[in-house]
Amino acid sequence: MRGELNDRRIPKTMASQHPDNAKLPEWVRGEVIAAGDDEVYEAYVAYSVYGCEEVMWDSEGKDVDPHVVRKLISGYPEFFGKRLLGRDIFLTLRGPNPSVEVTERKLLLETLEMIPRHNDVAAAFYNDEGYVAVFEFILPFTSSHVEMIRVKEAYRSITTEALSRPIDRSGFLLKEWVGEAVPADVEVIPLFEDLSSINNIEYTVSKYVEIVKPRYLRVFIARSDPSMHYGNIVATLLAKWALDKCKRLEDRLDIPIHPIIGTGSLPFRGHNSPLNVDNFIDEYRGVETVTIQPSFRYDYPRETVVSAIRRLNESLPYGTPERFDDSTLLSVLEKLIKGYQSTVTDAIDAVNSLVAYVPSRRSRKLHIGPFGYARQLLGKKLPRAIPFCAAFYTLGIPPEFIGVDQLFQLSDREMDVVVNGYKHLRDDLIEAGRRVSWENIELMRQRVEEVRKLFGQRFLDNFLEKYVKGLRLLEENFSISTGPKSFSDRRYLNLVENVLLGIFEGDTVSIRDDVVRAAVMRGSIG
């Protein structure tokens, strides 16, 4: 059976299924990575080729193969005979939160019901009765310890307790027929995704530990959606504040707490790319597990990817988190959030019009209509974070710079919190700045009537002017110049400039081609 706490390996790299890759891997047969056998093979490749120590098996927003463990073990017995699932490498389930994703809420039960079946297969393969290969569940949108406990109780109710009930008049128990449910309990990984839940991490985790008394806890910190809702700078500070809170909790509660951060390749979504590993490790000190999203795996040379993942596996966790003064940080966050949101809402109509040109890279259920859950900002409907990010990059106005003009409204003490708290802010802004197209900005300023018709009046009159103001202030105060720095940058900007021209001309075919080519060059869809 899976060992006790001292034997539990905490994986360092978690392959995820986010559709942020610009390139399709060579083994994909269609236009997208399909649910089913494609994703099963993808999991095997993540372990065996790239060296990821964990795979997130994600049923939130899409269908998944319920027989993944059987297919992995039967398809690749030699590999899984040497690398034991649940001991050396891990498969971690993620499903919907019924409090948020109402239409799909019963999928929680389906996901939890898979766990004993996965473990029966693993037990047979490893010839070890009671072997536990799958035992964790990631709960998105966690806002309370009550939700975490409900997951555990739901698992017990539909597995352990259900199997202990008689199924005929003689008192014959269901488990005497189909066997015990293994494990008897499921470990819950809370995923904190917004300011309120991160601010309340200490209370949520403390209450959970007080009631459940786990031997250890893994805590998942979102980095992508907070950028969309609050801006890049706030999202980074929030994630690092969460790491600080996890360390405080570990010291106070005297149990191991193992933080996870979900990051993409571009600075706006966390800047965990094969080309930025050292800065990333230094920025997010204290994190123990990081997501390796498809853009990381598929949009860079394989040798570079394998080397970067090996570096993460060998280096994490690194250092201790920066300490924050909660009240000062909250003041900074509130000011920056207000500035970002008041700016970005004037661009949402433009973003939503461009999302149609962003290619899908994975088969998913639509997050609209009956299968949707609302992402909104100040009353405006938002797309998912990846196409949101892609839309701004496609216009030549990277989203990292939205709301940066508000930095210069902070006091000296507040600015110190930002600069000291976000250690590689300047590096990230320089990287994103290479993707700024001043040609597009000037063209949109010149084609006033067309831009207002396509993107709305507030985009041109409010959003774009604040965006340019932020760029100018960065140049004056941080000596950060934006625009191309190399011939490759110029080629990239030619593509995004062609996209804008295609939008003006209504040439949808060329737009889609140039959107993809530009994404390939920047190393991520969004």
Protein backbone atom coordinates (compact mmCIF):
# COMPACT_ATOMS: atom_id res chain seq x y z
CA MET A 1 0.00 0.00 0.00
CA ARG A 2 0.96 3.65 -0.32
CA GLY A 3 3.35 4.45 2.49
CA GLU A 4 2.84 6.70 5.47
CA LEU A 5 3.69 10.41 5.45
CA ASN A 6 7.43 9.86 5.59
CA ASP A 7 7.20 7.83 2.39
CA ARG A 8 4.99 10.29 0.50
CA ARG A 9 6.82 11.94 -2.40
CA ILE A 10 5.48 15.39 -3.16
CA PRO A 11 5.75 15.83 -6.93
CA LYS A 12 7.44 18.97 -8.21
CA THR A 13 6.01 19.21 -11.72
CA MET A 14 2.34 18.71 -12.60
CA ALA A 15 1.44 18.36 -16.29
CA SER A 16 -1.90 20.04 -16.93
CA GLN A 17 -4.36 20.05 -19.83
CA HIS A 18 -4.78 23.82 -20.29
CA PRO A 19 -5.31 24.64 -24.00
CA ASP A 20 -2.54 27.25 -24.20
CA ASN A 21 -0.20 25.56 -26.69
CA ALA A 22 0.33 27.23 -30.07
CA LYS A 23 1.75 24.08 -31.70
CA LEU A 24 0.08 20.70 -31.76
CA PRO A 25 2.30 17.77 -30.75
CA GLU A 26 3.27 15.47 -33.60
CA TRP A 27 1.13 12.60 -32.31
CA VAL A 28 -2.16 14.50 -32.59
CA ARG A 29 -4.25 13.18 -35.47
CA GLY A 30 -6.79 16.01 -35.76
CA GLU A 31 -6.98 19.74 -35.13
CA VAL A 32 -7.22 19.43 -31.34
CA ILE A 33 -6.00 17.17 -28.53
CA ALA A 34 -9.08 15.02 -28.12
CA ALA A 35 -10.55 13.71 -24.90
CA GLY A 36 -10.02 9.97 -24.63
CA ASP A 37 -7.04 8.16 -26.08
CA ASP A 38 -5.20 11.39 -27.03
CA GLU A 39 -5.19 12.56 -23.44
CA VAL A 40 -4.24 9.12 -22.11
CA TYR A 41 -1.23 9.04 -24.41
CA GLU A 42 -0.46 12.65 -23.49
CA ALA A 43 -0.30 11.65 -19.83
CA TYR A 44 2.12 8.82 -20.62
CA VAL A 45 4.32 11.20 -22.65
CA ALA A 46 4.28 13.76 -19.82
CA TYR A 47 5.70 11.12 -17.47
CA SER A 48 7.99 9.18 -19.76
CA VAL A 49 9.33 11.76 -22.22
CA TYR A 50 9.21 15.09 -20.42
CA GLY A 51 9.81 13.86 -16.88
CA CYS A 52 6.75 15.37 -15.20
CA GLU A 53 6.12 13.78 -11.82
CA GLU A 54 2.36 14.33 -11.77
CA VAL A 55 -0.51 14.65 -14.24
CA MET A 56 -3.69 16.55 -13.49
CA TRP A 57 -6.63 14.53 -14.84
CA ASP A 58 -9.11 17.33 -15.34
CA SER A 59 -12.84 16.76 -15.83
CA GLU A 60 -13.71 20.41 -15.24
CA GLY A 61 -15.14 21.80 -18.48
CA LYS A 62 -14.53 18.73 -20.62
CA ASP A 63 -15.05 14.98 -20.90
CA VAL A 64 -12.31 12.65 -19.68
CA ASP A 65 -11.58 8.97 -20.13
CA PRO A 66 -12.83 7.20 -16.98
CA HIS A 67 -10.50 4.25 -17.67
CA VAL A 68 -7.26 6.25 -17.74
CA VAL A 69 -5.40 4.11 -15.18
CA ARG A 70 -6.36 0.86 -16.92
CA LYS A 71 -5.24 2.26 -20.29
CA LEU A 72 -1.98 3.64 -18.94
CA ILE A 73 -0.98 0.46 -17.13
CA SER A 74 -2.12 -1.96 -19.83
CA GLY A 75 -0.70 0.18 -22.63
CA TYR A 76 2.70 0.81 -21.05
CA PRO A 77 3.26 -1.96 -18.48
CA GLU A 78 7.06 -1.83 -18.62
CA PHE A 79 7.15 1.89 -17.77
CA PHE A 80 4.60 1.67 -14.95
CA GLY A 81 6.28 -1.44 -13.61
CA LYS A 82 9.39 0.63 -12.99
CA ARG A 83 7.75 3.96 -12.07
CA LEU A 84 5.00 3.14 -9.60
CA LEU A 85 1.80 5.14 -9.92
CA GLY A 86 0.97 6.64 -6.54
CA ARG A 87 4.53 6.34 -5.22
CA ASP A 88 6.97 7.60 -7.86
CA ILE A 89 4.56 9.44 -10.15
CA PHE A 90 1.02 10.62 -9.59
CA LEU A 91 -2.35 11.06 -11.28
CA THR A 92 -4.43 13.74 -9.55
CA LEU A 93 -8.10 14.25 -10.30
CA ARG A 94 -9.80 17.60 -10.69
CA GLY A 95 -13.54 18.04 -11.02
CA PRO A 96 -16.17 20.74 -10.71
CA ASN A 97 -17.13 22.61 -7.57
CA PRO A 98 -20.91 22.10 -7.24
CA SER A 99 -21.23 25.48 -5.51
CA VAL A 100 -20.10 27.23 -8.71
CA GLU A 101 -20.54 24.90 -11.69
CA VAL A 102 -24.18 24.05 -11.10
CA THR A 103 -25.09 22.32 -14.36
CA GLU A 104 -22.11 19.97 -14.17
CA ARG A 105 -22.24 19.48 -10.39
CA LYS A 106 -23.02 15.75 -10.50
CA LEU A 107 -19.75 15.27 -12.35
CA LEU A 108 -18.18 15.61 -8.91
CA LEU A 109 -19.76 12.29 -7.97
CA GLU A 110 -18.63 10.63 -11.20
CA THR A 111 -15.06 11.83 -10.62
CA LEU A 112 -14.99 10.59 -7.03
CA GLU A 113 -16.53 7.25 -8.02
CA MET A 114 -13.61 6.66 -10.39
CA ILE A 115 -11.08 6.53 -7.56
CA PRO A 116 -11.79 3.00 -6.19
CA ARG A 117 -11.96 1.60 -9.74
CA HIS A 118 -8.57 3.12 -10.58
CA ASN A 119 -7.11 1.58 -7.45
CA ASP A 120 -8.58 -1.86 -8.16
CA VAL A 121 -6.77 -1.82 -11.50
CA ALA A 122 -3.52 -0.68 -9.90
CA ALA A 123 -3.80 -3.31 -7.15
CA ALA A 124 -4.19 -6.06 -9.75
CA PHE A 125 -1.25 -4.77 -11.78
CA TYR A 126 1.08 -4.41 -8.80
CA ASN A 127 -0.22 -7.62 -7.20
CA ASP A 128 -0.77 -5.73 -3.95
CA GLU A 129 -4.24 -5.92 -2.42
CA GLY A 130 -5.30 -2.51 -1.14
CA TYR A 131 -2.73 -0.66 -3.27
CA VAL A 132 -3.53 3.07 -3.51
CA ALA A 133 -2.51 4.77 -6.76
CA VAL A 134 -5.07 7.62 -6.93
CA PHE A 135 -6.09 9.38 -3.76
CA GLU A 136 -6.33 13.17 -4.29
CA PHE A 137 -8.98 15.54 -5.61
CA ILE A 138 -8.44 19.19 -6.60
CA LEU A 139 -11.41 21.37 -5.65
CA PRO A 140 -11.59 24.54 -7.80
CA PHE A 141 -13.01 27.84 -6.52
CA THR A 142 -12.53 26.79 -2.89
CA SER A 143 -13.94 29.45 -0.60
CA SER A 144 -14.52 27.57 2.65
CA HIS A 145 -13.29 24.64 4.70
CA VAL A 146 -16.91 23.43 4.59
CA GLU A 147 -16.63 22.74 0.85
CA MET A 148 -13.47 20.70 1.41
CA ILE A 149 -15.15 18.60 4.09
CA ARG A 150 -18.19 18.12 1.84
CA VAL A 151 -15.93 16.54 -0.80
CA LYS A 152 -14.58 14.07 1.74
CA GLU A 153 -18.04 13.26 3.04
CA ALA A 154 -19.40 12.90 -0.51
CA TYR A 155 -16.63 10.40 -1.27
CA ARG A 156 -17.36 8.37 1.86
CA SER A 157 -21.09 8.47 1.20
CA ILE A 158 -20.91 7.14 -2.37
CA THR A 159 -18.09 4.64 -1.78
CA THR A 160 -17.30 3.34 1.72
CA GLU A 161 -20.76 3.84 3.21
CA ALA A 162 -22.65 2.74 0.11
CA LEU A 163 -20.65 -0.47 -0.07
CA SER A 164 -21.42 -1.26 3.59
CA ARG A 165 -25.18 -1.38 3.00
CA PRO A 166 -27.10 -4.66 2.63
CA ILE A 167 -28.44 -5.36 -0.83
CA ASP A 168 -30.81 -8.23 -0.08
CA ARG A 169 -33.00 -9.54 2.71
CA SER A 170 -30.27 -11.82 4.04
CA GLY A 171 -28.13 -8.82 4.95
CA PHE A 172 -25.60 -9.48 2.20
CA LEU A 173 -23.41 -6.39 1.94
CA LEU A 174 -22.56 -4.76 -1.35
CA LYS A 175 -18.83 -4.82 -0.54
CA GLU A 176 -19.00 -8.63 -0.15
CA TRP A 177 -19.93 -8.72 -3.81
CA VAL A 178 -17.85 -5.93 -5.39
CA GLY A 179 -15.08 -5.49 -2.81
CA GLU A 180 -13.99 -2.67 -0.51
CA ALA A 181 -13.51 0.90 -1.66
CA VAL A 182 -9.84 1.90 -1.58
CA PRO A 183 -8.87 4.32 -0.20
CA ALA A 184 -11.38 4.78 2.61
CA ASP A 185 -10.92 8.55 2.40
CA VAL A 186 -9.88 11.07 -0.26
CA GLU A 187 -7.37 13.85 0.20
CA VAL A 188 -8.67 17.26 -0.89
CA ILE A 189 -6.46 19.91 -2.49
CA PRO A 190 -8.15 23.32 -2.20
CA LEU A 191 -7.66 25.61 -5.20
CA PHE A 192 -7.81 29.29 -4.20
CA GLU A 193 -8.56 31.54 -7.16
CA ASP A 194 -9.45 35.07 -6.05
CA LEU A 195 -8.56 37.84 -3.63
CA SER A 196 -11.19 36.92 -1.07
CA SER A 197 -10.28 33.22 -0.87
CA ILE A 198 -6.53 33.95 -0.74
CA ASN A 199 -7.07 36.58 1.94
CA ASN A 200 -8.95 33.93 3.95
CA ILE A 201 -6.51 31.04 3.38
CA GLU A 202 -5.37 31.03 6.98
CA TYR A 203 -8.88 30.72 8.36
CA THR A 204 -9.99 28.13 5.77
CA VAL A 205 -6.96 25.91 6.22
CA SER A 206 -6.88 26.29 10.02
CA LYS A 207 -10.51 25.21 10.37
CA TYR A 208 -10.01 22.29 7.99
CA VAL A 209 -6.93 21.10 9.89
CA GLU A 210 -8.74 21.52 13.20
CA ILE A 211 -11.66 19.36 12.08
CA VAL A 212 -10.03 16.81 9.76
CA LYS A 213 -6.54 16.61 11.31
CA PRO A 214 -4.71 15.65 8.08
CA ARG A 215 -1.09 14.51 8.25
CA TYR A 216 -0.20 17.15 5.65
CA LEU A 217 -1.96 19.38 3.15
CA ARG A 218 -1.35 20.44 -0.42
CA VAL A 219 -2.68 23.92 -1.26
CA PHE A 220 -3.20 25.04 -4.87
CA ILE A 221 -2.81 28.73 -5.73
CA ALA A 222 -4.20 30.07 -9.01
CA ARG A 223 -2.06 32.49 -11.00
CA SER A 224 -3.88 32.79 -14.35
CA ASP A 225 -7.48 33.84 -13.63
CA PRO A 226 -6.34 36.40 -11.03
CA SER A 227 -4.36 38.12 -13.79
CA MET A 228 -7.46 38.42 -15.92
CA HIS A 229 -9.52 39.81 -13.03
CA TYR A 230 -6.91 41.93 -11.26
CA GLY A 231 -3.93 42.43 -13.57
CA ASN A 232 -0.49 40.85 -13.81
CA ILE A 233 1.16 42.70 -10.92
CA VAL A 234 -1.65 41.98 -8.47
CA ALA A 235 -1.82 38.32 -9.52
CA THR A 236 1.89 37.88 -8.83
CA LEU A 237 1.70 39.60 -5.45
CA LEU A 238 -1.40 37.57 -4.55
CA ALA A 239 0.32 34.27 -5.36
CA LYS A 240 3.37 35.23 -3.33
CA TRP A 241 1.19 36.41 -0.44
CA ALA A 242 -0.50 33.01 -0.52
CA LEU A 243 2.92 31.32 -0.30
CA ASP A 244 3.72 33.52 2.68
CA LYS A 245 0.42 32.54 4.33
CA CYS A 246 1.10 28.83 3.71
CA LYS A 247 4.47 29.13 5.43
CA ARG A 248 2.91 30.92 8.40
CA LEU A 249 0.28 28.18 8.63
CA GLU A 250 2.87 25.44 8.48
CA ASP A 251 4.79 27.01 11.35
CA ARG A 252 1.70 27.68 13.45
CA LEU A 253 -0.19 24.42 12.86
CA ASP A 254 2.92 22.27 12.87
CA ILE A 255 1.91 20.19 9.86
CA PRO A 256 3.61 20.12 6.45
CA ILE A 257 1.89 22.35 3.88
CA HIS A 258 2.95 21.88 0.27
CA PRO A 259 1.97 24.77 -2.06
CA ILE A 260 1.17 24.32 -5.75
CA ILE A 261 1.03 27.22 -8.25
CA GLY A 262 -0.78 27.05 -11.59
CA THR A 263 1.23 29.05 -14.11
CA GLY A 264 1.41 29.46 -17.89
CA SER A 265 4.36 30.40 -20.08
CA LEU A 266 3.72 34.11 -20.70
CA PRO A 267 4.45 36.70 -17.99
CA PHE A 268 0.73 37.52 -17.71
CA ARG A 269 -0.02 33.93 -16.67
CA GLY A 270 2.99 33.37 -14.41
CA HIS A 271 5.99 33.15 -16.78
CA ASN A 272 6.85 29.52 -16.10
CA SER A 273 8.45 28.78 -19.45
CA PRO A 274 11.50 26.70 -20.38
CA LEU A 275 13.37 29.96 -21.05
CA ASN A 276 12.61 31.53 -17.67
CA VAL A 277 13.09 28.71 -15.17
CA ASP A 278 15.76 30.37 -13.00
CA ASN A 279 13.83 33.63 -12.61
CA PHE A 280 10.63 31.69 -11.94
CA ILE A 281 12.21 29.59 -9.18
CA ASP A 282 13.64 32.73 -7.63
CA GLU A 283 10.34 34.63 -7.87
CA TYR A 284 8.06 32.01 -6.32
CA ARG A 285 10.21 30.94 -3.39
CA GLY A 286 8.52 28.35 -1.23
CA VAL A 287 6.39 26.77 -3.94
CA GLU A 288 6.76 23.00 -4.09
CA THR A 289 4.77 21.98 -7.18
CA VAL A 290 4.25 23.93 -10.41
CA THR A 291 2.03 23.23 -13.39
CA ILE A 292 3.73 22.38 -16.66
CA GLN A 293 1.11 23.51 -19.13
CA PRO A 294 0.98 22.38 -22.77
CA SER A 295 2.63 25.55 -24.09
CA PHE A 296 5.65 24.73 -21.90
CA ARG A 297 5.72 21.17 -23.26
CA TYR A 298 4.90 21.66 -26.95
CA ASP A 299 5.98 25.18 -27.99
CA TYR A 300 9.72 24.84 -27.32
CA PRO A 301 12.42 22.39 -28.49
CA ARG A 302 12.06 19.07 -26.69
CA GLU A 303 15.61 19.08 -25.34
CA THR A 304 15.04 22.53 -23.82
CA VAL A 305 11.77 21.40 -22.25
CA VAL A 306 13.20 18.20 -20.73
CA SER A 307 16.15 20.12 -19.30
CA ALA A 308 13.86 22.80 -17.81
CA ILE A 309 11.56 20.23 -16.18
CA ARG A 310 14.56 18.40 -14.77
CA ARG A 311 15.77 21.70 -13.29
CA LEU A 312 12.40 22.27 -11.63
CA ASN A 313 12.28 18.72 -10.28
CA GLU A 314 15.75 19.11 -8.78
CA SER A 315 15.31 22.66 -7.42
CA LEU A 316 11.84 22.83 -5.86
CA PRO A 317 11.09 23.83 -3.20
CA TYR A 318 13.60 26.67 -3.24
CA GLY A 319 14.07 29.15 -0.43
CA THR A 320 11.41 30.62 1.82
CA PRO A 321 8.61 32.96 0.75
CA GLU A 322 8.91 36.74 1.10
CA ARG A 323 7.07 38.07 4.12
CA PHE A 324 4.36 40.67 3.58
CA ASP A 325 2.73 43.16 5.88
CA ASP A 326 -0.90 42.22 5.29
CA SER A 327 -2.49 45.64 5.76
CA THR A 328 0.02 47.49 3.55
CA LEU A 329 -0.19 44.85 0.84
CA LEU A 330 -4.00 44.92 0.88
CA SER A 331 -3.92 48.70 0.39
CA VAL A 332 -1.61 48.29 -2.60
CA LEU A 333 -3.75 45.51 -4.09
CA GLU A 334 -6.98 47.47 -3.75
CA LYS A 335 -5.51 50.51 -5.52
CA LEU A 336 -4.00 48.49 -8.36
CA ILE A 337 -7.14 46.38 -8.80
CA LYS A 338 -9.33 49.47 -9.04
CA GLY A 339 -7.05 50.98 -11.68
CA TYR A 340 -6.77 47.77 -13.69
CA GLN A 341 -10.49 47.00 -13.68
CA SER A 342 -11.54 50.53 -14.58
CA THR A 343 -9.20 50.29 -17.60
CA VAL A 344 -9.70 46.73 -18.81
CA THR A 345 -13.51 46.85 -18.81
CA ASP A 346 -13.28 49.37 -21.66
CA ALA A 347 -11.52 46.70 -23.74
CA ILE A 348 -13.71 43.68 -23.01
CA ASP A 349 -15.91 44.17 -26.08
CA ALA A 350 -12.79 44.23 -28.26
CA VAL A 351 -11.45 41.10 -26.54
CA ASN A 352 -14.69 39.21 -27.02
CA SER A 353 -14.73 40.11 -30.72
CA LEU A 354 -11.20 38.74 -31.17
CA VAL A 355 -11.67 35.48 -29.26
CA ALA A 356 -13.30 33.91 -32.33
CA TYR A 357 -9.91 34.05 -34.10
CA VAL A 358 -8.06 32.24 -31.29
CA PRO A 359 -7.72 28.56 -32.21
CA SER A 360 -8.90 25.79 -29.90
CA ARG A 361 -6.22 23.32 -28.99
CA ARG A 362 -8.26 20.85 -26.92
CA SER A 363 -11.78 19.48 -27.10
CA ARG A 364 -13.79 21.13 -24.34
CA LYS A 365 -17.39 21.73 -23.42
CA LEU A 366 -18.42 25.30 -24.04
CA HIS A 367 -18.33 27.56 -21.01
CA ILE A 368 -21.45 29.30 -22.23
CA GLY A 369 -25.12 28.43 -22.21
CA PRO A 370 -26.09 25.37 -20.15
CA PHE A 371 -22.48 24.20 -19.69
CA GLY A 372 -21.12 27.56 -18.56
CA TYR A 373 -20.22 29.21 -15.33
CA ALA A 374 -20.02 32.98 -15.29
CA ARG A 375 -16.71 34.79 -15.54
CA GLN A 376 -17.55 38.46 -15.22
CA LEU A 377 -15.79 41.70 -14.45
CA LEU A 378 -17.84 44.71 -13.38
CA GLY A 379 -20.85 43.34 -15.26
CA LYS A 380 -18.91 42.43 -18.42
CA LYS A 381 -18.76 38.81 -19.59
CA LEU A 382 -15.23 37.48 -19.85
CA PRO A 383 -13.76 34.69 -21.95
CA ARG A 384 -11.38 32.18 -20.36
CA ALA A 385 -7.96 33.50 -19.36
CA ILE A 386 -6.03 31.95 -22.27
CA PRO A 387 -8.03 33.53 -25.13
CA PHE A 388 -8.29 36.74 -23.07
CA CYS A 389 -4.50 36.93 -22.97
CA ALA A 390 -4.22 35.88 -26.62
CA ALA A 391 -6.58 38.63 -27.79
CA PHE A 392 -4.43 41.41 -26.34
CA TYR A 393 -1.21 39.90 -27.64
CA THR A 394 -2.82 39.53 -31.06
CA LEU A 395 -3.57 43.26 -31.15
CA GLY A 396 0.04 44.05 -30.27
CA ILE A 397 -0.89 45.34 -26.81
CA PRO A 398 0.29 42.72 -24.27
CA PRO A 399 -1.99 42.63 -21.21
CA GLU A 400 0.93 42.89 -18.76
CA PHE A 401 0.79 46.68 -19.26
CA ILE A 402 -2.90 47.18 -18.54
CA GLY A 403 -3.27 49.36 -15.46
CA VAL A 404 0.46 49.96 -14.92
CA ASP A 405 -0.21 53.71 -14.94
CA GLN A 406 -1.70 53.18 -11.45
CA LEU A 407 1.73 52.20 -10.13
CA PHE A 408 2.71 55.82 -10.23
CA GLN A 409 -0.19 56.82 -8.00
CA LEU A 410 1.26 54.73 -5.15
CA SER A 411 3.22 56.20 -2.26
CA ASP A 412 6.94 55.47 -2.00
CA ARG A 413 6.24 52.88 0.70
CA GLU A 414 3.58 51.21 -1.44
CA MET A 415 5.86 51.19 -4.48
CA ASP A 416 8.53 49.50 -2.38
CA VAL A 417 6.01 46.73 -1.60
CA VAL A 418 5.52 46.16 -5.34
CA VAL A 419 9.17 46.32 -6.34
CA ASN A 420 10.40 44.19 -3.44
CA GLY A 421 7.45 41.80 -3.59
CA TYR A 422 7.57 41.22 -7.37
CA LYS A 423 11.30 40.67 -7.74
CA HIS A 424 11.39 40.13 -11.49
CA LEU A 425 8.77 42.71 -12.45
CA ARG A 426 11.20 44.62 -14.61
CA ASP A 427 12.39 41.44 -16.37
CA ASP A 428 8.80 40.40 -17.09
CA LEU A 429 7.84 43.82 -18.43
CA ILE A 430 10.92 43.90 -20.66
CA GLU A 431 9.99 40.47 -22.02
CA ALA A 432 6.37 41.48 -22.67
CA GLY A 433 7.52 44.84 -24.06
CA ARG A 434 9.14 43.15 -27.05
CA ARG A 435 5.60 42.27 -28.18
CA VAL A 436 4.24 45.84 -28.14
CA SER A 437 3.31 47.07 -31.62
CA TRP A 438 3.47 50.85 -31.79
CA GLU A 439 2.46 50.51 -35.45
CA ASN A 440 -0.85 48.97 -34.37
CA ILE A 441 -1.37 51.55 -31.65
CA GLU A 442 -0.84 54.42 -34.09
CA LEU A 443 -2.97 52.76 -36.76
CA MET A 444 -5.86 52.35 -34.32
CA ARG A 445 -5.51 55.99 -33.32
CA GLN A 446 -5.70 57.02 -36.97
CA ARG A 447 -8.61 54.80 -38.02
CA VAL A 448 -10.95 56.30 -35.45
CA GLU A 449 -14.33 55.48 -36.97
CA GLU A 450 -13.41 51.92 -37.88
CA VAL A 451 -11.95 51.19 -34.45
CA ARG A 452 -14.99 52.62 -32.68
CA LYS A 453 -17.25 50.51 -34.87
CA LEU A 454 -15.22 47.33 -34.35
CA PHE A 455 -14.12 47.66 -30.72
CA GLY A 456 -16.37 50.33 -29.23
CA GLN A 457 -15.81 53.98 -28.45
CA ARG A 458 -14.53 53.43 -24.94
CA PHE A 459 -11.76 51.15 -26.22
CA LEU A 460 -10.25 53.96 -28.26
CA ASP A 461 -11.02 56.94 -26.05
CA ASN A 462 -10.35 55.40 -22.64
CA PHE A 463 -8.55 52.08 -22.75
CA LEU A 464 -5.95 52.77 -25.43
CA GLU A 465 -5.01 56.18 -24.05
CA LYS A 466 -4.51 54.79 -20.52
CA TYR A 467 -2.50 51.92 -21.97
CA VAL A 468 -0.17 54.30 -23.82
CA LYS A 469 0.13 56.48 -20.72
CA GLY A 470 1.33 53.45 -18.77
CA LEU A 471 3.95 52.62 -21.40
CA ARG A 472 5.25 56.19 -21.33
CA LEU A 473 5.44 56.25 -17.54
CA LEU A 474 7.39 52.98 -17.50
CA GLU A 475 9.82 54.42 -20.03
CA GLU A 476 10.31 57.57 -17.95
CA ASN A 477 10.52 55.97 -14.50
CA PHE A 478 11.80 52.41 -15.05
CA SER A 479 13.81 52.98 -18.25
CA ILE A 480 11.77 50.24 -19.94
CA SER A 481 11.50 50.75 -23.68
CA THR A 482 8.89 48.80 -25.62
CA GLY A 483 8.90 47.51 -29.16
CA PRO A 484 11.09 45.06 -31.10
CA LYS A 485 14.60 44.23 -29.89
CA SER A 486 15.64 41.76 -32.59
CA PHE A 487 14.92 40.70 -36.16
CA SER A 488 12.74 37.91 -34.74
CA ASP A 489 10.71 40.49 -32.81
CA ARG A 490 10.20 42.48 -36.00
CA ARG A 491 8.99 39.39 -37.84
CA TYR A 492 6.59 38.68 -34.96
CA LEU A 493 5.22 42.24 -35.00
CA ASN A 494 4.72 42.04 -38.75
CA LEU A 495 2.29 39.18 -38.07
CA VAL A 496 0.25 41.01 -35.41
CA GLU A 497 0.20 44.10 -37.62
CA ASN A 498 -1.14 41.94 -40.46
CA VAL A 499 -3.86 40.70 -38.07
CA LEU A 500 -5.08 44.23 -37.45
CA LEU A 501 -5.03 45.01 -41.17
CA GLY A 502 -6.97 41.80 -41.79
CA ILE A 503 -9.57 42.87 -39.21
CA PHE A 504 -10.02 46.20 -40.98
CA GLU A 505 -10.32 44.40 -44.34
CA GLY A 506 -12.53 41.56 -43.06
CA ASP A 507 -10.05 38.91 -44.24
CA THR A 508 -10.90 36.19 -41.71
CA VAL A 509 -8.77 33.48 -43.34
CA SER A 510 -5.51 35.43 -43.16
CA ILE A 511 -6.34 36.61 -39.63
CA ARG A 512 -6.58 33.05 -38.30
CA ASP A 513 -3.33 32.02 -39.99
CA ASP A 514 -1.42 35.03 -38.66
CA VAL A 515 -2.85 34.61 -35.14
CA VAL A 516 -1.44 31.07 -35.01
CA ARG A 517 1.92 32.01 -36.55
CA ALA A 518 2.35 34.84 -34.04
CA ALA A 519 1.43 32.54 -31.15
CA VAL A 520 4.04 30.01 -32.29
CA MET A 521 6.68 32.73 -32.31
CA ARG A 522 5.86 33.96 -28.77
CA GLY A 523 5.72 30.39 -27.42
CA SER A 524 2.09 30.23 -26.31
CA ILE A 525 -1.45 30.94 -27.50
CA GLY A 526 -2.10 33.00 -24.37
